[in-house]
Protein backbone atom coordinates (compact mmCIF):
# COMPACT_ATOMS: atom_id res chain seq x y z
CA MET A 1 44.51 77.27 -12.30
CA PHE A 2 43.32 78.53 -15.67
CA GLY A 3 45.65 80.23 -18.09
CA LEU A 4 45.75 83.25 -20.30
CA PHE A 5 43.74 83.03 -23.49
CA LYS A 6 44.77 84.29 -26.90
CA LYS A 7 41.51 84.13 -28.84
CA LYS A 8 38.22 85.86 -28.15
CA GLU A 9 36.82 82.92 -26.29
CA ALA A 10 36.72 81.62 -22.74
CA PRO A 11 40.16 80.90 -21.25
CA LYS A 12 41.17 77.28 -20.98
CA PRO A 13 42.88 75.62 -18.02
CA GLU A 14 46.33 75.49 -19.63
CA PRO A 15 48.81 77.84 -17.92
CA PRO A 16 51.59 78.84 -20.35
CA ALA A 17 55.23 78.44 -19.39
CA THR A 18 55.67 82.21 -18.99
CA ARG A 19 53.33 82.12 -16.00
CA GLU A 20 54.99 79.20 -14.23
CA ASP A 21 57.05 81.19 -11.76
CA PRO A 22 54.38 83.68 -10.62
CA LEU A 23 51.87 80.85 -10.47
CA GLN A 24 54.17 78.77 -8.31
CA LYS A 25 54.85 81.71 -6.04
CA LEU A 26 51.15 82.41 -5.57
CA SER A 27 50.18 78.75 -5.38
CA ALA A 28 52.63 78.10 -2.54
CA GLN A 29 50.55 80.38 -0.31
CA PHE A 30 47.51 78.07 -0.58
CA SER A 31 46.55 74.62 0.61
CA PRO A 32 46.77 71.93 -2.10
CA GLU A 33 43.20 70.78 -1.37
CA GLU A 34 40.80 71.79 -4.15
CA LEU A 35 37.29 72.77 -3.11
CA SER A 36 34.14 73.06 -5.18
CA ILE A 37 32.42 76.11 -3.74
CA LEU A 38 29.32 78.24 -4.05
CA ALA A 39 29.69 81.86 -3.07
CA VAL A 40 28.03 85.26 -2.83
CA THR A 41 29.96 88.11 -4.43
CA GLY A 42 30.08 91.54 -2.81
CA PRO A 43 29.09 94.97 -4.19
CA ALA A 44 32.14 95.37 -6.45
CA GLY A 45 33.36 93.29 -9.37
CA PHE A 46 36.86 92.07 -10.17
CA SER A 47 39.73 94.51 -9.71
CA GLY A 48 43.37 94.01 -10.62
CA SER A 49 46.73 95.24 -9.34
CA ARG A 50 49.83 94.88 -11.49
CA MET A 51 52.39 92.33 -10.30
CA ASP A 52 55.96 93.60 -9.90
CA ASN A 53 58.07 93.23 -13.07
CA SER A 54 55.26 91.41 -14.84
CA GLU A 55 52.49 91.95 -17.35
CA LEU A 56 50.17 90.00 -15.09
CA TYR A 57 47.65 91.30 -12.59
CA LEU A 58 46.58 89.91 -9.25
CA ALA A 59 42.83 89.85 -9.95
CA SER A 60 40.47 89.85 -6.98
CA ILE A 61 36.78 89.95 -6.15
CA GLY A 62 35.30 90.10 -2.66
CA LEU A 63 33.00 87.37 -1.37
CA THR A 64 30.59 87.90 1.51
CA ALA A 65 29.64 84.25 2.11
CA TRP A 66 30.67 80.87 0.73
CA MET A 67 30.22 77.15 1.24
CA GLU A 68 31.63 73.91 -0.05
CA GLU A 69 29.22 72.33 -2.49
CA ASP A 70 29.05 69.07 -0.52
CA SER A 71 28.73 70.73 2.92
CA PRO A 72 25.83 72.57 4.61
CA ASP A 73 28.20 74.87 6.52
CA ILE A 74 28.17 78.49 5.36
CA HIS A 75 31.16 80.74 6.01
CA ARG A 76 29.86 84.25 6.68
CA GLU A 77 32.97 86.30 6.13
CA GLU A 78 34.39 88.89 3.78
CA ILE A 79 37.14 87.10 1.88
CA PRO A 80 38.85 87.83 -1.46
CA LEU A 81 38.81 85.33 -4.31
CA VAL A 82 42.06 85.86 -6.25
CA THR A 83 43.89 84.66 -9.35
CA LEU A 84 46.57 85.78 -11.81
CA ALA A 85 45.37 87.30 -15.07
CA ASP A 86 46.54 89.25 -18.08
CA GLU A 87 44.48 92.19 -19.35
CA THR A 88 42.30 89.97 -21.55
CA LEU A 89 41.45 87.52 -18.79
CA LEU A 90 40.87 90.35 -16.29
CA SER A 91 38.46 92.00 -18.72
CA PHE A 92 36.67 88.67 -19.21
CA LEU A 93 36.30 88.16 -15.46
CA ARG A 94 34.93 91.68 -15.02
CA GLN A 95 32.36 91.10 -17.75
CA ARG A 96 31.22 87.65 -16.62
CA THR A 97 31.39 87.74 -12.82
CA TYR A 98 28.86 90.22 -11.50
CA PRO A 99 28.68 92.07 -8.17
CA ASP A 100 25.92 90.84 -5.83
CA PHE A 101 25.70 87.48 -7.56
CA LEU A 102 25.84 83.76 -6.82
CA ILE A 103 28.77 81.90 -8.37
CA LYS A 104 30.17 78.39 -8.49
CA CYS A 105 33.86 77.60 -8.97
CA HIS A 106 36.81 75.54 -7.78
CA ALA A 107 39.19 77.11 -5.30
CA ARG A 108 41.92 76.51 -2.74
CA ARG A 109 42.06 78.20 0.64
CA SER A 110 45.18 80.11 1.69
CA LEU A 111 47.32 78.71 4.48
CA ASP A 112 46.32 81.62 6.72
CA GLY A 113 42.64 81.18 5.82
CA ARG A 114 42.25 84.76 4.60
CA ARG A 115 41.98 84.24 0.82
CA LEU A 116 40.66 81.82 -1.77
CA LEU A 117 42.54 81.00 -4.98
CA LEU A 118 40.35 80.74 -8.07
CA LEU A 119 41.12 77.63 -10.15
CA ASP A 120 38.65 77.92 -13.03
CA LEU A 121 36.16 80.32 -14.55
CA PRO A 122 33.29 81.19 -12.19
CA GLN A 123 29.86 80.06 -13.32
CA PRO A 124 26.39 81.06 -12.07
CA GLY A 125 25.46 79.01 -9.02
CA PHE A 126 22.49 78.53 -6.73
CA ASP A 127 21.80 77.59 -3.13
CA PRO A 128 18.64 78.70 -1.29
CA ASP A 129 20.50 79.72 1.87
CA LEU A 130 23.08 81.72 -0.05
CA LYS A 131 20.28 83.25 -2.10
CA ALA A 132 18.68 84.49 1.12
CA ILE A 133 21.99 86.01 2.21
CA LEU A 134 22.31 87.73 -1.17
CA GLU A 135 18.83 89.21 -1.02
CA GLU A 136 19.44 90.49 2.49
CA GLN A 137 22.75 92.16 1.59
CA LYS A 138 21.17 93.97 -1.37
CA LYS A 139 18.58 95.73 0.77
CA PRO A 140 19.30 99.47 1.09
CA GLU A 141 20.67 100.49 4.49
CA SER A 142 19.99 104.00 5.74
CA VAL A 143 20.16 105.95 8.98
CA PHE A 144 18.60 109.25 10.01
CA VAL A 145 21.00 111.56 11.81
CA GLU A 146 19.46 114.38 13.80
CA GLY A 147 20.41 117.76 12.37
CA LEU A 148 22.02 116.28 9.26
CA GLY A 149 19.42 114.18 7.46
CA THR A 150 19.20 110.64 6.09
CA PHE A 151 22.39 108.85 5.11
CA VAL A 152 22.40 105.85 2.77
CA LEU A 153 25.15 103.23 2.82
CA ASN A 154 27.20 103.09 -0.37
CA ARG A 155 28.31 99.47 -0.18
CA ARG A 156 30.96 99.77 -2.90
CA VAL A 157 33.04 102.26 -0.91
CA LYS A 158 31.68 101.39 2.55
CA TRP A 159 30.55 104.84 3.59
CA PHE A 160 27.27 106.53 4.47
CA GLU A 161 26.39 109.51 2.29
CA ALA A 162 23.73 112.20 2.16
CA GLU A 163 23.01 115.35 0.18
CA VAL A 164 22.84 118.35 2.49
CA ASP A 165 22.37 122.11 2.18
CA TRP A 166 25.61 124.08 2.17
CA LEU A 167 25.34 127.87 1.92
CA GLU A 168 23.45 128.50 -1.33
CA GLY A 169 23.79 125.02 -2.75
CA LYS A 170 23.94 121.29 -2.11
CA VAL A 171 26.91 119.11 -1.20
CA ARG A 172 27.50 115.40 -0.62
CA LEU A 173 28.40 114.61 2.98
CA ASN A 174 29.84 111.22 3.90
CA TYR A 175 31.53 109.25 6.66
CA ASP A 176 32.97 105.74 6.75
CA GLN A 177 31.00 102.73 7.87
CA GLY A 178 32.48 101.39 11.09
CA PRO A 179 31.85 100.83 14.78
CA GLU A 180 28.87 102.79 16.09
CA GLU A 181 31.01 104.94 18.36
CA GLN A 182 33.26 106.01 15.49
CA MET A 183 30.29 106.85 13.26
CA ARG A 184 28.67 108.95 15.99
CA ALA A 185 31.94 110.84 16.43
CA ALA A 186 32.10 111.46 12.67
CA GLN A 187 28.54 112.80 12.79
CA GLU A 188 29.63 115.25 15.48
CA THR A 189 32.43 116.45 13.20
CA ALA A 190 29.85 117.02 10.49
CA ARG A 191 27.60 118.97 12.85
CA ALA A 192 30.49 121.23 13.83
CA LEU A 193 31.18 122.05 10.18
CA MET A 194 27.50 122.54 9.37
CA THR A 195 27.02 124.91 12.31
CA ASP A 196 29.53 127.39 10.85
CA GLN A 197 29.27 126.78 7.12
CA ALA A 198 30.33 130.28 6.06
CA GLY A 199 33.36 130.28 8.35
CA TRP A 200 34.65 126.87 7.31
CA ASP A 201 33.93 127.51 3.64
CA GLU A 202 36.02 130.68 3.73
CA LYS A 203 38.87 129.02 5.66
CA VAL A 204 39.10 126.07 3.30
CA ARG A 205 38.88 128.11 0.08
CA SER A 206 41.46 130.61 1.31
CA TYR A 207 43.84 127.81 2.25
CA ALA A 208 43.44 126.28 -1.24
CA ALA A 209 44.20 129.64 -2.88
CA ASP A 210 47.22 130.25 -0.63
CA HIS A 211 48.77 126.89 -1.48
CA LEU A 212 47.59 126.08 -5.02
CA LEU A 213 47.22 129.34 -6.95
CA GLU A 214 50.93 129.69 -7.66
CA PRO A 215 51.39 126.05 -8.78
CA VAL A 216 48.31 126.31 -11.01
CA ASN A 217 49.57 129.49 -12.64
CA GLY A 218 52.96 127.87 -13.12
CA CYS A 219 51.58 124.92 -15.02
CA SER A 220 51.03 124.73 -18.78
CA ALA A 221 48.46 122.66 -20.62
CA GLY A 222 50.70 122.30 -23.67
CA ASP A 223 53.90 123.28 -25.44
CA GLY A 224 52.35 125.92 -27.68
CA GLU A 225 51.76 129.46 -26.49
CA GLU A 226 48.05 129.24 -27.29
CA ASP A 227 47.76 126.21 -25.03
CA SER A 228 49.25 127.90 -21.99
CA LEU A 229 46.95 128.37 -19.03
CA GLN A 230 45.94 131.98 -18.52
CA GLU A 231 47.26 133.34 -15.25
CA LEU A 232 44.49 133.56 -12.69
CA SER A 233 43.91 136.15 -10.05
CA ARG A 234 43.05 135.00 -6.55
CA GLU A 235 39.44 136.01 -7.17
CA ASP A 236 39.31 134.02 -10.42
CA PHE A 237 40.75 130.97 -8.66
CA LEU A 238 38.22 131.14 -5.83
CA SER A 239 35.30 131.68 -8.19
CA ARG A 240 36.11 128.47 -10.07
CA LEU A 241 36.15 126.22 -7.00
CA GLU A 242 32.92 124.21 -6.95
CA LEU A 243 32.39 122.34 -3.70
CA ASP A 244 31.34 118.77 -4.48
CA ALA A 245 31.72 116.72 -1.29
CA ILE A 246 32.80 116.78 2.34
CA GLN A 247 34.09 113.69 4.09
CA VAL A 248 34.33 113.61 7.88
CA ASN A 249 35.72 111.18 10.42
CA GLY A 250 35.56 110.50 14.12
CA ASP A 251 38.77 112.23 15.19
CA GLY A 252 37.62 115.63 13.97
CA GLY A 253 39.25 115.28 10.57
CA PHE A 254 37.67 116.41 7.33
CA GLU A 255 38.29 116.56 3.59
CA PHE A 256 36.66 119.14 1.31
CA TRP A 257 36.55 118.05 -2.34
CA PHE A 258 36.17 120.68 -5.07
CA ASN A 259 35.70 120.43 -8.80
CA ASP A 260 38.43 122.72 -10.09
CA GLY A 261 36.38 124.49 -12.77
CA GLU A 262 38.83 123.31 -15.47
CA LEU A 263 41.70 125.05 -13.74
CA LEU A 264 44.05 122.20 -14.56
CA TRP A 265 42.86 119.43 -16.88
CA ASP A 266 39.65 118.72 -14.96
CA ASP A 267 41.45 117.70 -11.78
CA ALA A 268 39.80 117.78 -8.37
CA ILE A 269 41.11 119.76 -5.42
CA ARG A 270 41.24 118.23 -1.94
CA VAL A 271 41.68 120.30 1.20
CA SER A 272 42.06 118.34 4.42
CA GLY A 273 42.41 119.29 8.05
CA THR A 274 40.87 118.98 11.51
CA LEU A 275 38.40 120.92 13.61
CA SER A 276 41.17 121.85 16.04
CA ASP A 277 43.87 122.83 13.54
CA GLY A 278 41.80 124.03 10.59
CA PRO A 279 42.93 123.25 7.03
CA THR A 280 46.38 121.66 6.97
CA ALA A 281 46.91 120.33 3.41
CA ALA A 282 45.74 121.10 -0.14
CA GLN A 283 46.53 119.26 -3.34
CA MET A 284 45.34 118.55 -6.86
CA GLU A 285 43.88 115.07 -7.38
CA GLY A 286 43.82 113.48 -10.84
């Protein structure tokens, strides 16, 4: 396991004493056997979540395939490669370990087989079979949906998205990647919304005004009087809502996402609901 580094240079494999306990706790979840592996990274780079009561992050990057360097067997699975890191090390990993890339590193597999523990800094790697897997996964994936248009898979967030006509403008329409039956059901939800655009647009906007106008008018952008938000009429509120995206799912659920027209510090507004119940929730999203 490599440690935190203090200078602007690559971290060195010397874990400081302050990391002993969290390292031991994490290390206990993994087999002691160290593996030299080659791996294909997924569409997103390293991310980090703060550890409880610690300045350290659990850093993680998704792998889509990996193999031991001295074995021909390739594991085709989505599996996270994790380690502990401070902000400096996390930044270094994000800068040096790219999405959709071939890497080489040492790792240990978790006792449940669902994670890999990173033991040193990843380096560029190469294997012809893994290279072929990488090239295949980078190919764009799209699907034409009758009545809706062509959707392209956004691999980072694992959803299919398309730009469609909505009333007098354009809007992004998306649904999650998943089993074929679920995706077809989500497409049916989209068709139902698209068939009555004016009706659903009015319902969703009215619901947002009913539930958010008063909180917006009650908020202040600052302590000074000149910084206070001017009170909006219902018409002003509605005129500032700019529909940006609609997300649908297979159980008839939907989310309408609006840019708030600088109503409240450039937040977004999300209105969610179902085809059967109509809009059921509205909230500001930072």
